[in-house]
C-alpha cells in the first residue's frame, strides 16, 4: 500500500476551522485527522 501524502497546510487550516467553529478546547488530533480524511 502506498504511503499517504499529508499536506501540512491542510492540517493547519482544518485545525483552525475546528477551533474557530467549536472552540480551542474541542480541538483534538483525532478531529483534525478525520477532517483531513486521514483517520
N, C-alpha and C. Protein backbone atom coordinates (compact mmCIF):
# COMPACT_ATOMS: atom_id res chain seq x y z
N UNK A 1 0.85 -1.18 0.00
CA UNK A 1 0.00 0.00 0.00
C UNK A 1 0.90 1.25 0.00
N UNK A 2 0.67 2.19 -0.93
CA UNK A 2 1.49 3.39 -0.98
C UNK A 2 1.24 4.30 0.22
N UNK A 3 2.29 5.01 0.61
CA UNK A 3 2.16 5.95 1.73
C UNK A 3 1.29 7.13 1.33
N UNK A 4 0.47 7.58 2.26
CA UNK A 4 -0.40 8.73 2.01
C UNK A 4 0.39 10.02 2.25
N UNK A 5 0.26 10.96 1.34
CA UNK A 5 0.92 12.26 1.48
C UNK A 5 0.01 13.17 2.28
N UNK A 6 0.56 13.76 3.33
CA UNK A 6 -0.22 14.64 4.20
C UNK A 6 0.24 16.08 3.97
N UNK A 7 -0.69 16.94 3.62
CA UNK A 7 -0.39 18.34 3.34
C UNK A 7 -0.43 19.14 4.65
N UNK A 8 0.70 19.69 5.10
CA UNK A 8 0.72 20.44 6.36
C UNK A 8 -0.23 21.65 6.36
N UNK A 9 -0.37 22.29 5.21
CA UNK A 9 -1.27 23.45 5.14
C UNK A 9 -2.72 23.04 5.36
N UNK A 10 -3.10 21.87 4.85
CA UNK A 10 -4.46 21.37 5.06
C UNK A 10 -4.69 21.06 6.54
N UNK A 11 -3.68 20.47 7.20
CA UNK A 11 -3.80 20.18 8.63
C UNK A 11 -4.05 21.46 9.43
N UNK A 12 -3.26 22.48 9.14
CA UNK A 12 -3.38 23.74 9.86
C UNK A 12 -4.73 24.40 9.58
N UNK A 13 -5.15 24.41 8.33
CA UNK A 13 -6.42 25.07 8.00
C UNK A 13 -7.60 24.33 8.63
N UNK A 14 -7.56 23.01 8.65
CA UNK A 14 -8.64 22.25 9.29
C UNK A 14 -8.63 22.46 10.80
N UNK A 15 -7.45 22.50 11.41
CA UNK A 15 -7.35 22.75 12.85
C UNK A 15 -7.91 24.13 13.18
N UNK A 16 -7.58 25.11 12.37
CA UNK A 16 -8.09 26.47 12.59
C UNK A 16 -9.61 26.51 12.45
N UNK A 17 -10.13 25.81 11.45
CA UNK A 17 -11.58 25.79 11.23
C UNK A 17 -12.30 25.14 12.41
N UNK A 18 -11.77 24.04 12.91
CA UNK A 18 -12.40 23.36 14.06
C UNK A 18 -12.34 24.25 15.29
N UNK A 19 -11.18 24.86 15.56
CA UNK A 19 -11.04 25.73 16.72
C UNK A 19 -11.96 26.95 16.61
N UNK A 20 -12.10 27.50 15.42
CA UNK A 20 -12.98 28.66 15.23
C UNK A 20 -14.44 28.29 15.43
N UNK A 21 -14.82 27.11 14.94
CA UNK A 21 -16.21 26.68 15.00
C UNK A 21 -16.60 26.17 16.39
N UNK A 22 -15.75 25.32 16.98
CA UNK A 22 -16.12 24.62 18.22
C UNK A 22 -15.38 25.11 19.46
N UNK A 23 -14.37 25.94 19.29
CA UNK A 23 -13.58 26.40 20.42
C UNK A 23 -12.29 25.61 20.54
N UNK A 24 -11.28 26.24 21.10
CA UNK A 24 -9.96 25.62 21.18
C UNK A 24 -9.98 24.37 22.06
N UNK A 25 -10.84 24.32 23.05
CA UNK A 25 -10.90 23.15 23.93
C UNK A 25 -11.45 21.92 23.21
N UNK A 26 -12.13 22.11 22.10
CA UNK A 26 -12.69 20.99 21.34
C UNK A 26 -11.70 20.45 20.31
N UNK A 27 -10.57 21.11 20.15
CA UNK A 27 -9.58 20.70 19.14
C UNK A 27 -8.83 19.46 19.60
N UNK A 28 -8.77 18.46 18.73
CA UNK A 28 -8.00 17.24 19.02
C UNK A 28 -7.36 16.73 17.74
N UNK A 29 -6.32 15.94 17.92
CA UNK A 29 -5.64 15.36 16.76
C UNK A 29 -6.60 14.47 15.98
N UNK A 30 -7.43 13.73 16.69
CA UNK A 30 -8.39 12.84 16.03
C UNK A 30 -9.36 13.64 15.15
N UNK A 31 -9.87 14.77 15.66
CA UNK A 31 -10.81 15.58 14.88
C UNK A 31 -10.14 16.17 13.64
N UNK A 32 -8.91 16.63 13.80
CA UNK A 32 -8.18 17.20 12.66
C UNK A 32 -7.91 16.12 11.62
N UNK A 33 -7.48 14.95 12.07
CA UNK A 33 -7.21 13.84 11.14
C UNK A 33 -8.47 13.43 10.39
N UNK A 34 -9.58 13.36 11.10
CA UNK A 34 -10.84 12.99 10.46
C UNK A 34 -11.25 14.04 9.43
N UNK A 35 -11.11 15.31 9.78
CA UNK A 35 -11.46 16.39 8.86
C UNK A 35 -10.58 16.38 7.61
N UNK A 36 -9.35 15.90 7.75
CA UNK A 36 -8.43 15.83 6.61
C UNK A 36 -8.55 14.53 5.83
N UNK A 37 -9.37 13.62 6.33
CA UNK A 37 -9.55 12.35 5.64
C UNK A 37 -8.43 11.36 5.89
N UNK A 38 -7.72 11.54 6.99
CA UNK A 38 -6.60 10.66 7.32
C UNK A 38 -7.05 9.49 8.17
N UNK A 39 -7.90 9.75 9.13
CA UNK A 39 -8.32 8.69 10.07
C UNK A 39 -9.75 8.27 9.80
